[in-house]
Amino acid sequence: MIQLEKISIAPGGNLLLSDINWRINAGQHIALVGRNGSGKTTLIRTIIGDELPLHGTVFCSPKWQIGYLPQKAVAGSTQTLWEEVKSGMTKLQAAQQELEAAQLEAEAKLAGSEIKLTNAMEKWRQMGGYNQEETIGSTLHGLGFIPEDWHKPCSLFSGGWQMRIALAKLLLSEPD
């Protein structure tokens, strides 16, 4: 799933990691532990492509989605709690857009549009389209949010609660 070959990381010229080789296979669960400033976040940001290594190569399977929870993920968001976490459901949103495009083609009676619409609708259904609201609500409830919170702007929540919002958004994105 993820392979690092001879990775060296030196943010600001300070060498944190040198010639690291590491492989994370599908299904493995790992923990990255170390002192503050030892390079944990920099390594993760290098793996997801937000930072470049000084040397070496990162290989990630293109069919896998990596989940990452940045420390200030929703700071500055003007969306409501519900809108913010719903925006993390990118796979379902893509299926929704595909379904809407197929509906337009079917309305225009384009050739093959009925089969395309049936397939798009089935894909959307299998991805949880009919249960989207329930999934969002149960995720928020599981993280301690009450229904009265759902329509409040993210900016009204404390830093700790904003981290929970970011966690809900990450969970709803269904990373591999």
N, C-alpha and C. Protein backbone atom coordinates (compact mmCIF):
# COMPACT_ATOMS: atom_id res chain seq x y z
N MET A 1 0.82 -1.19 0.00
CA MET A 1 0.00 0.00 0.00
C MET A 1 0.87 1.26 0.00
N ILE A 2 1.82 1.33 0.95
CA ILE A 2 2.74 2.48 1.02
C ILE A 2 4.15 1.94 1.15
N GLN A 3 5.05 2.51 0.36
CA GLN A 3 6.44 2.09 0.44
C GLN A 3 7.33 3.33 0.39
N LEU A 4 8.23 3.42 1.33
CA LEU A 4 9.22 4.50 1.37
C LEU A 4 10.58 3.90 1.06
N GLU A 5 11.30 4.53 0.14
CA GLU A 5 12.63 4.04 -0.22
C GLU A 5 13.65 5.14 -0.02
N LYS A 6 14.57 4.89 0.90
CA LYS A 6 15.69 5.79 1.18
C LYS A 6 15.23 7.23 1.40
N ILE A 7 14.19 7.40 2.21
CA ILE A 7 13.63 8.71 2.50
C ILE A 7 14.50 9.45 3.51
N SER A 8 14.82 10.68 3.19
CA SER A 8 15.49 11.59 4.12
C SER A 8 14.60 12.83 4.22
N ILE A 9 14.38 13.27 5.45
CA ILE A 9 13.53 14.43 5.69
C ILE A 9 14.33 15.44 6.51
N ALA A 10 14.35 16.69 6.01
CA ALA A 10 15.10 17.73 6.69
C ALA A 10 14.35 19.06 6.59
N PRO A 11 13.24 19.21 7.34
CA PRO A 11 12.52 20.49 7.28
C PRO A 11 13.38 21.62 7.86
N GLY A 12 13.46 22.71 7.14
CA GLY A 12 14.27 23.84 7.60
C GLY A 12 15.75 23.52 7.71
N GLY A 13 16.20 22.49 6.99
CA GLY A 13 17.62 22.13 7.03
C GLY A 13 18.01 21.25 8.20
N ASN A 14 17.06 20.92 9.08
CA ASN A 14 17.33 20.10 10.25
C ASN A 14 17.03 18.64 9.91
N LEU A 15 18.03 17.80 9.76
CA LEU A 15 17.85 16.41 9.36
C LEU A 15 17.13 15.64 10.48
N LEU A 16 15.91 15.16 10.16
CA LEU A 16 15.13 14.39 11.13
C LEU A 16 15.17 12.90 10.85
N LEU A 17 15.11 12.53 9.58
CA LEU A 17 15.14 11.13 9.18
C LEU A 17 16.13 10.99 8.03
N SER A 18 16.89 9.89 8.03
CA SER A 18 17.90 9.70 7.00
C SER A 18 17.84 8.28 6.46
N ASP A 19 17.68 8.17 5.13
CA ASP A 19 17.69 6.89 4.42
C ASP A 19 16.75 5.85 5.04
N ILE A 20 15.52 6.25 5.26
CA ILE A 20 14.52 5.35 5.85
C ILE A 20 13.87 4.50 4.76
N ASN A 21 13.79 3.21 4.99
CA ASN A 21 13.04 2.29 4.14
C ASN A 21 11.90 1.73 4.99
N TRP A 22 10.69 1.78 4.46
CA TRP A 22 9.53 1.35 5.25
C TRP A 22 8.43 0.93 4.31
N ARG A 23 7.77 -0.15 4.66
CA ARG A 23 6.66 -0.65 3.85
C ARG A 23 5.47 -0.88 4.77
N ILE A 24 4.32 -0.36 4.38
CA ILE A 24 3.08 -0.59 5.11
C ILE A 24 2.15 -1.33 4.15
N ASN A 25 1.79 -2.54 4.49
CA ASN A 25 0.95 -3.36 3.62
C ASN A 25 -0.52 -3.16 3.94
N ALA A 26 -1.37 -3.47 2.98
CA ALA A 26 -2.82 -3.38 3.17
C ALA A 26 -3.21 -4.23 4.37
N GLY A 27 -4.07 -3.70 5.20
CA GLY A 27 -4.55 -4.43 6.36
C GLY A 27 -3.72 -4.24 7.61
N GLN A 28 -2.53 -3.67 7.48
CA GLN A 28 -1.69 -3.43 8.66
C GLN A 28 -2.19 -2.20 9.40
N HIS A 29 -2.07 -2.24 10.70
CA HIS A 29 -2.37 -1.09 11.54
C HIS A 29 -1.08 -0.72 12.24
N ILE A 30 -0.71 0.55 12.15
CA ILE A 30 0.56 0.97 12.72
C ILE A 30 0.34 2.17 13.63
N ALA A 31 1.27 2.38 14.51
CA ALA A 31 1.28 3.58 15.34
C ALA A 31 2.64 4.24 15.15
N LEU A 32 2.62 5.54 15.03
CA LEU A 32 3.85 6.30 14.86
C LEU A 32 4.08 7.05 16.17
N VAL A 33 5.10 6.67 16.89
CA VAL A 33 5.35 7.20 18.23
C VAL A 33 6.73 7.83 18.27
N GLY A 34 6.83 8.98 18.95
CA GLY A 34 8.13 9.63 19.12
C GLY A 34 7.99 10.94 19.87
N ARG A 35 9.13 11.49 20.27
CA ARG A 35 9.15 12.76 20.99
C ARG A 35 8.68 13.89 20.08
N ASN A 36 8.29 15.00 20.68
CA ASN A 36 7.95 16.20 19.92
C ASN A 36 9.16 16.61 19.09
N GLY A 37 8.89 16.95 17.84
CA GLY A 37 9.96 17.41 16.97
C GLY A 37 10.79 16.31 16.34
N SER A 38 10.39 15.06 16.54
CA SER A 38 11.19 13.95 15.99
C SER A 38 10.86 13.65 14.53
N GLY A 39 9.81 14.28 13.98
CA GLY A 39 9.52 14.12 12.56
C GLY A 39 8.28 13.31 12.23
N LYS A 40 7.44 12.98 13.22
CA LYS A 40 6.25 12.17 12.96
C LYS A 40 5.30 12.86 11.97
N THR A 41 4.93 14.09 12.25
CA THR A 41 4.00 14.82 11.39
C THR A 41 4.63 15.08 10.02
N THR A 42 5.90 15.43 10.00
CA THR A 42 6.59 15.67 8.73
C THR A 42 6.61 14.41 7.89
N LEU A 43 6.85 13.26 8.51
CA LEU A 43 6.83 11.99 7.78
C LEU A 43 5.44 11.73 7.20
N ILE A 44 4.41 11.92 7.98
CA ILE A 44 3.04 11.69 7.48
C ILE A 44 2.73 12.66 6.35
N ARG A 45 3.10 13.91 6.52
CA ARG A 45 2.84 14.90 5.46
C ARG A 45 3.63 14.56 4.19
N THR A 46 4.78 13.94 4.34
CA THR A 46 5.56 13.49 3.18
C THR A 46 4.85 12.32 2.50
N ILE A 47 4.33 11.39 3.28
CA ILE A 47 3.63 10.24 2.72
C ILE A 47 2.40 10.68 1.93
N ILE A 48 1.64 11.65 2.46
CA ILE A 48 0.42 12.07 1.75
C ILE A 48 0.69 13.08 0.65
N GLY A 49 1.94 13.52 0.53
CA GLY A 49 2.32 14.40 -0.57
C GLY A 49 2.24 15.88 -0.27
N ASP A 50 2.00 16.25 0.99
CA ASP A 50 1.97 17.67 1.35
C ASP A 50 3.37 18.26 1.48
N GLU A 51 4.36 17.42 1.70
CA GLU A 51 5.76 17.86 1.77
C GLU A 51 6.62 16.92 0.94
N LEU A 52 7.70 17.43 0.43
CA LEU A 52 8.62 16.61 -0.36
C LEU A 52 9.79 16.17 0.51
N PRO A 53 10.26 14.94 0.30
CA PRO A 53 11.44 14.50 1.05
C PRO A 53 12.69 15.17 0.51
N LEU A 54 13.71 15.25 1.33
CA LEU A 54 15.01 15.75 0.88
C LEU A 54 15.58 14.80 -0.18
N HIS A 55 15.47 13.51 0.10
CA HIS A 55 15.89 12.45 -0.82
C HIS A 55 14.92 11.30 -0.68
N GLY A 56 14.89 10.44 -1.69
CA GLY A 56 14.10 9.23 -1.62
C GLY A 56 12.77 9.33 -2.35
N THR A 57 12.04 8.22 -2.30
CA THR A 57 10.81 8.10 -3.06
C THR A 57 9.70 7.53 -2.18
N VAL A 58 8.49 8.05 -2.38
CA VAL A 58 7.30 7.54 -1.71
C VAL A 58 6.40 6.92 -2.77
N PHE A 59 6.02 5.68 -2.56
CA PHE A 59 5.08 5.00 -3.45
C PHE A 59 3.81 4.72 -2.67
N CYS A 60 2.68 5.18 -3.20
CA CYS A 60 1.37 4.90 -2.60
C CYS A 60 0.48 4.32 -3.68
N SER A 61 -0.25 3.28 -3.33
CA SER A 61 -1.17 2.70 -4.29
C SER A 61 -2.21 3.74 -4.67
N PRO A 62 -2.40 3.99 -5.97
CA PRO A 62 -3.35 5.03 -6.39
C PRO A 62 -4.80 4.68 -6.07
N LYS A 63 -5.10 3.42 -5.79
CA LYS A 63 -6.48 3.06 -5.48
C LYS A 63 -6.81 3.18 -4.00
N TRP A 64 -5.84 3.55 -3.18
CA TRP A 64 -6.06 3.69 -1.75
C TRP A 64 -6.18 5.15 -1.37
N GLN A 65 -7.07 5.43 -0.44
CA GLN A 65 -7.23 6.78 0.09
C GLN A 65 -6.68 6.80 1.52
N ILE A 66 -5.71 7.66 1.75
CA ILE A 66 -5.09 7.76 3.06
C ILE A 66 -5.85 8.80 3.88
N GLY A 67 -6.18 8.44 5.11
CA GLY A 67 -6.84 9.36 6.02
C GLY A 67 -5.81 10.06 6.88
N TYR A 68 -5.96 11.36 7.03
CA TYR A 68 -5.01 12.15 7.80
C TYR A 68 -5.79 13.22 8.54
N LEU A 69 -5.56 13.36 9.83
CA LEU A 69 -6.26 14.34 10.65
C LEU A 69 -5.29 15.44 11.06
N PRO A 70 -5.27 16.56 10.30
CA PRO A 70 -4.38 17.67 10.68
C PRO A 70 -4.86 18.32 11.97
N GLN A 71 -3.95 18.98 12.66
CA GLN A 71 -4.28 19.54 13.97
C GLN A 71 -5.28 20.68 13.91
N LYS A 72 -5.34 21.43 12.85
CA LYS A 72 -6.28 22.55 12.75
C LYS A 72 -7.14 22.39 11.50
N ALA A 73 -7.76 21.23 11.38
CA ALA A 73 -8.44 20.86 10.15
C ALA A 73 -9.65 21.71 9.79
N VAL A 74 -10.42 22.18 10.76
CA VAL A 74 -11.62 22.97 10.43
C VAL A 74 -11.53 24.40 10.95
N ALA A 75 -10.39 24.79 11.47
CA ALA A 75 -10.22 26.17 11.94
C ALA A 75 -10.48 27.12 10.79
N GLY A 76 -11.32 28.09 11.00
CA GLY A 76 -11.63 29.07 9.96
C GLY A 76 -12.78 28.68 9.06
N SER A 77 -13.36 27.50 9.26
CA SER A 77 -14.49 27.07 8.43
C SER A 77 -15.71 27.93 8.74
N THR A 78 -16.40 28.37 7.70
CA THR A 78 -17.63 29.15 7.86
C THR A 78 -18.88 28.27 7.70
N GLN A 79 -18.67 26.99 7.43
CA GLN A 79 -19.79 26.08 7.25
C GLN A 79 -20.36 25.64 8.60
N THR A 80 -21.57 25.11 8.55
CA THR A 80 -22.14 24.52 9.76
C THR A 80 -21.44 23.19 10.02
N LEU A 81 -21.60 22.70 11.22
CA LEU A 81 -21.05 21.39 11.59
C LEU A 81 -21.51 20.34 10.58
N TRP A 82 -22.81 20.29 10.29
CA TRP A 82 -23.37 19.30 9.37
C TRP A 82 -22.75 19.42 7.97
N GLU A 83 -22.69 20.64 7.45
CA GLU A 83 -22.14 20.86 6.11
C GLU A 83 -20.67 20.46 6.04
N GLU A 84 -19.93 20.80 7.09
CA GLU A 84 -18.49 20.51 7.12
C GLU A 84 -18.24 19.01 7.08
N VAL A 85 -18.92 18.26 7.94
CA VAL A 85 -18.66 16.82 7.97
C VAL A 85 -19.20 16.14 6.71
N LYS A 86 -20.31 16.63 6.18
CA LYS A 86 -20.87 16.06 4.95
C LYS A 86 -19.90 16.25 3.78
N SER A 87 -19.14 17.33 3.79
CA SER A 87 -18.18 17.59 2.70
C SER A 87 -17.06 16.56 2.66
N GLY A 88 -16.89 15.81 3.73
CA GLY A 88 -15.88 14.75 3.74
C GLY A 88 -16.30 13.51 2.97
N MET A 89 -17.58 13.40 2.63
CA MET A 89 -18.10 12.22 1.94
C MET A 89 -17.88 12.35 0.43
N THR A 90 -16.64 12.50 0.04
CA THR A 90 -16.31 12.81 -1.36
C THR A 90 -16.65 11.67 -2.32
N LYS A 91 -16.50 10.42 -1.87
CA LYS A 91 -16.84 9.29 -2.74
C LYS A 91 -18.33 9.28 -3.05
N LEU A 92 -19.14 9.50 -2.02
CA LEU A 92 -20.59 9.53 -2.22
C LEU A 92 -21.01 10.75 -3.03
N GLN A 93 -20.34 11.88 -2.82
CA GLN A 93 -20.65 13.07 -3.60
C GLN A 93 -20.34 12.85 -5.08
N ALA A 94 -19.26 12.15 -5.38
CA ALA A 94 -18.93 11.84 -6.77
C ALA A 94 -19.98 10.93 -7.39
N ALA A 95 -20.46 9.95 -6.61
CA ALA A 95 -21.52 9.07 -7.10
C ALA A 95 -22.82 9.84 -7.31
N GLN A 96 -23.08 10.82 -6.44
CA GLN A 96 -24.27 11.67 -6.58
C GLN A 96 -24.19 12.49 -7.87
N GLN A 97 -23.03 13.05 -8.15
CA GLN A 97 -22.85 13.83 -9.38
C GLN A 97 -23.00 12.95 -10.62
N GLU A 98 -22.48 11.73 -10.53
CA GLU A 98 -22.62 10.78 -11.64
C GLU A 98 -24.10 10.44 -11.85
N LEU A 99 -24.83 10.26 -10.77
CA LEU A 99 -26.26 9.96 -10.84
C LEU A 99 -27.03 11.13 -11.46
N GLU A 100 -26.71 12.34 -11.04
CA GLU A 100 -27.39 13.53 -11.58
C GLU A 100 -27.11 13.70 -13.07
N ALA A 101 -25.89 13.44 -13.50
CA ALA A 101 -25.56 13.53 -14.92
C ALA A 101 -26.31 12.46 -15.72
N ALA A 102 -26.41 11.26 -15.14
CA ALA A 102 -27.15 10.19 -15.82
C ALA A 102 -28.64 10.51 -15.90
N GLN A 103 -29.17 11.17 -14.88
CA GLN A 103 -30.58 11.58 -14.91
C GLN A 103 -30.83 12.59 -16.02
N LEU A 104 -29.92 13.53 -16.19
CA LEU A 104 -30.06 14.52 -17.26
C LEU A 104 -30.02 13.86 -18.63
N GLU A 105 -29.12 12.89 -18.80
CA GLU A 105 -29.03 12.17 -20.06
C GLU A 105 -30.31 11.37 -20.33
N ALA A 106 -30.87 10.78 -19.27
CA ALA A 106 -32.10 10.00 -19.43
C ALA A 106 -33.26 10.91 -19.80
N GLU A 107 -33.30 12.09 -19.19
CA GLU A 107 -34.36 13.06 -19.52
C GLU A 107 -34.25 13.51 -20.98
N ALA A 108 -33.03 13.59 -21.48
CA ALA A 108 -32.80 13.98 -22.87
C ALA A 108 -32.96 12.79 -23.82
N LYS A 109 -33.23 11.61 -23.25
CA LYS A 109 -33.45 10.38 -24.01
C LYS A 109 -32.27 10.03 -24.92
N LEU A 110 -31.06 10.20 -24.38
CA LEU A 110 -29.86 9.83 -25.14
C LEU A 110 -29.71 8.32 -25.18
N ALA A 111 -29.11 7.83 -26.23
CA ALA A 111 -28.92 6.38 -26.39
C ALA A 111 -28.10 5.82 -25.24
N GLY A 112 -28.58 4.73 -24.68
CA GLY A 112 -27.88 4.06 -23.59
C GLY A 112 -28.04 4.72 -22.24
N SER A 113 -28.81 5.79 -22.18
CA SER A 113 -28.92 6.54 -20.93
C SER A 113 -29.69 5.79 -19.83
N GLU A 114 -30.63 4.92 -20.20
CA GLU A 114 -31.39 4.18 -19.19
C GLU A 114 -30.49 3.21 -18.43
N ILE A 115 -29.62 2.52 -19.15
CA ILE A 115 -28.68 1.59 -18.50
C ILE A 115 -27.70 2.37 -17.63
N LYS A 116 -27.22 3.47 -18.16
CA LYS A 116 -26.28 4.31 -17.41
C LYS A 116 -26.94 4.83 -16.13
N LEU A 117 -28.21 5.24 -16.22
CA LEU A 117 -28.94 5.73 -15.05
C LEU A 117 -29.13 4.61 -14.03
N THR A 118 -29.49 3.43 -14.50
CA THR A 118 -29.68 2.29 -13.59
C THR A 118 -28.38 1.97 -12.87
N ASN A 119 -27.27 1.94 -13.60
CA ASN A 119 -25.97 1.65 -12.99
C ASN A 119 -25.55 2.73 -12.00
N ALA A 120 -25.77 3.99 -12.36
CA ALA A 120 -25.40 5.10 -11.46
C ALA A 120 -26.25 5.07 -10.19
N MET A 121 -27.53 4.75 -10.34
CA MET A 121 -28.41 4.69 -9.18
C MET A 121 -28.02 3.55 -8.25
N GLU A 122 -27.66 2.41 -8.83
CA GLU A 122 -27.24 1.27 -8.02
C GLU A 122 -25.93 1.56 -7.30
N LYS A 123 -25.00 2.19 -7.98
CA LYS A 123 -23.73 2.56 -7.35
C LYS A 123 -23.97 3.50 -6.18
N TRP A 124 -24.80 4.52 -6.39
CA TRP A 124 -25.13 5.49 -5.34
C TRP A 124 -25.79 4.79 -4.15
N ARG A 125 -26.70 3.86 -4.45
CA ARG A 125 -27.39 3.11 -3.39
C ARG A 125 -26.41 2.27 -2.59
N GLN A 126 -25.53 1.54 -3.29
CA GLN A 126 -24.56 0.68 -2.62
C GLN A 126 -23.58 1.47 -1.76
N MET A 127 -23.32 2.71 -2.15
CA MET A 127 -22.39 3.55 -1.40
C MET A 127 -23.06 4.22 -0.20
N GLY A 128 -24.36 3.98 -0.03
CA GLY A 128 -25.05 4.53 1.14
C GLY A 128 -25.80 5.81 0.88
N GLY A 129 -26.15 6.07 -0.36
CA GLY A 129 -26.85 7.31 -0.69
C GLY A 129 -28.16 7.50 0.06
N TYR A 130 -28.92 6.41 0.20
CA TYR A 130 -30.20 6.52 0.91
C TYR A 130 -30.02 6.72 2.41
N ASN A 131 -28.87 6.33 2.93
CA ASN A 131 -28.61 6.41 4.37
C ASN A 131 -27.66 7.53 4.76
N GLN A 132 -27.38 8.43 3.84
CA GLN A 132 -26.39 9.47 4.09
C GLN A 132 -26.71 10.29 5.34
N GLU A 133 -27.93 10.76 5.46
CA GLU A 133 -28.30 11.59 6.62
C GLU A 133 -28.15 10.81 7.92
N GLU A 134 -28.58 9.56 7.91
CA GLU A 134 -28.48 8.72 9.11
C GLU A 134 -27.01 8.47 9.47
N THR A 135 -26.18 8.25 8.47
CA THR A 135 -24.76 8.00 8.70
C THR A 135 -24.10 9.23 9.32
N ILE A 136 -24.41 10.40 8.80
CA ILE A 136 -23.85 11.63 9.35
C ILE A 136 -24.32 11.81 10.79
N GLY A 137 -25.62 11.66 11.01
CA GLY A 137 -26.18 11.84 12.36
C GLY A 137 -25.59 10.87 13.37
N SER A 138 -25.45 9.60 13.00
CA SER A 138 -24.91 8.63 13.95
C SER A 138 -23.42 8.87 14.22
N THR A 139 -22.69 9.33 13.21
CA THR A 139 -21.27 9.66 13.41
C THR A 139 -21.14 10.83 14.38
N LEU A 140 -21.93 11.88 14.15
CA LEU A 140 -21.89 13.05 15.04
C LEU A 140 -22.30 12.67 16.45
N HIS A 141 -23.36 11.88 16.57
CA HIS A 141 -23.82 11.44 17.89
C HIS A 141 -22.73 10.64 18.60
N GLY A 142 -22.08 9.75 17.88
CA GLY A 142 -21.02 8.93 18.46
C GLY A 142 -19.83 9.74 18.95
N LEU A 143 -19.65 10.94 18.40
CA LEU A 143 -18.55 11.81 18.83
C LEU A 143 -19.00 12.84 19.86
N GLY A 144 -20.23 12.72 20.34
CA GLY A 144 -20.70 13.57 21.43
C GLY A 144 -21.49 14.81 21.03
N PHE A 145 -21.79 14.97 19.74
CA PHE A 145 -22.57 16.12 19.30
C PHE A 145 -24.05 15.83 19.47
N ILE A 146 -24.81 16.85 19.85
CA ILE A 146 -26.26 16.71 19.98
C ILE A 146 -26.92 17.40 18.79
N PRO A 147 -28.15 17.01 18.44
CA PRO A 147 -28.80 17.59 17.26
C PRO A 147 -28.84 19.12 17.25
N GLU A 148 -28.89 19.75 18.40
CA GLU A 148 -28.89 21.21 18.46
C GLU A 148 -27.58 21.81 17.95
N ASP A 149 -26.50 21.02 17.94
CA ASP A 149 -25.19 21.49 17.46
C ASP A 149 -25.08 21.45 15.94
N TRP A 150 -25.87 20.62 15.30
CA TRP A 150 -25.67 20.28 13.90
C TRP A 150 -25.70 21.47 12.95
N HIS A 151 -26.42 22.52 13.30
CA HIS A 151 -26.55 23.66 12.38
C HIS A 151 -25.80 24.90 12.87
N LYS A 152 -24.93 24.70 13.85
CA LYS A 152 -24.08 25.79 14.33
C LYS A 152 -22.84 25.89 13.45
N PRO A 153 -22.34 27.10 13.23
CA PRO A 153 -21.08 27.24 12.48
C PRO A 153 -19.91 26.60 13.22
N CYS A 154 -19.01 26.01 12.49
CA CYS A 154 -17.83 25.37 13.10
C CYS A 154 -17.04 26.36 13.96
N SER A 155 -17.06 27.62 13.57
CA SER A 155 -16.27 28.63 14.28
C SER A 155 -16.75 28.84 15.72
N LEU A 156 -17.96 28.40 16.05
CA LEU A 156 -18.48 28.57 17.42
C LEU A 156 -17.99 27.48 18.37
N PHE A 157 -17.36 26.44 17.84
CA PHE A 157 -16.90 25.34 18.67
C PHE A 157 -15.47 25.58 19.14
N SER A 158 -15.15 25.08 20.32
CA SER A 158 -13.79 25.20 20.86
C SER A 158 -12.83 24.36 20.02
N GLY A 159 -11.54 24.53 20.26
CA GLY A 159 -10.53 23.78 19.52
C GLY A 159 -10.70 22.27 19.64
N GLY A 160 -11.02 21.79 20.83
CA GLY A 160 -11.23 20.36 21.04
C GLY A 160 -12.41 19.83 20.25
N TRP A 161 -13.50 20.59 20.25
CA TRP A 161 -14.69 20.18 19.49
C TRP A 161 -14.43 20.29 17.99
N GLN A 162 -13.61 21.26 17.59
CA GLN A 162 -13.26 21.35 16.16
C GLN A 162 -12.46 20.12 15.73
N MET A 163 -11.64 19.59 16.62
CA MET A 163 -10.92 18.35 16.30
C MET A 163 -11.90 17.19 16.12
N ARG A 164 -12.96 17.17 16.92
CA ARG A 164 -13.98 16.13 16.76
C ARG A 164 -14.71 16.31 15.43
N ILE A 165 -14.95 17.54 15.03
CA ILE A 165 -15.57 17.81 13.72
C ILE A 165 -14.67 17.26 12.62
N ALA A 166 -13.38 17.54 12.72
CA ALA A 166 -12.41 17.06 11.73
C ALA A 166 -12.37 15.53 11.73
N LEU A 167 -12.46 14.91 12.90
CA LEU A 167 -12.46 13.45 12.99
C LEU A 167 -13.71 12.88 12.33
N ALA A 168 -14.87 13.51 12.58
CA ALA A 168 -16.11 13.05 11.93
C ALA A 168 -15.98 13.13 10.41
N LYS A 169 -15.44 14.23 9.94
CA LYS A 169 -15.25 14.42 8.49
C LYS A 169 -14.32 13.36 7.93
N LEU A 170 -13.24 13.05 8.65
CA LEU A 170 -12.29 12.03 8.22
C LEU A 170 -12.96 10.66 8.21
N LEU A 171 -13.71 10.32 9.25
CA LEU A 171 -14.38 9.02 9.30
C LEU A 171 -15.38 8.88 8.15
N LEU A 172 -16.10 9.95 7.85
CA LEU A 172 -17.11 9.90 6.78
C LEU A 172 -16.47 9.83 5.38
N SER A 173 -15.19 10.18 5.29
CA SER A 173 -14.50 10.07 3.99
C SER A 173 -14.13 8.62 3.67
N GLU A 174 -14.24 7.74 4.67
CA GLU A 174 -13.97 6.31 4.53
C GLU A 174 -12.60 6.02 3.94
N PRO A 175 -11.54 6.50 4.60
CA PRO A 175 -10.20 6.22 4.08
C PRO A 175 -9.86 4.74 4.22
N ASP A 176 -8.92 4.30 3.38
CA ASP A 176 -8.49 2.92 3.44
C ASP A 176 -7.49 2.70 4.57
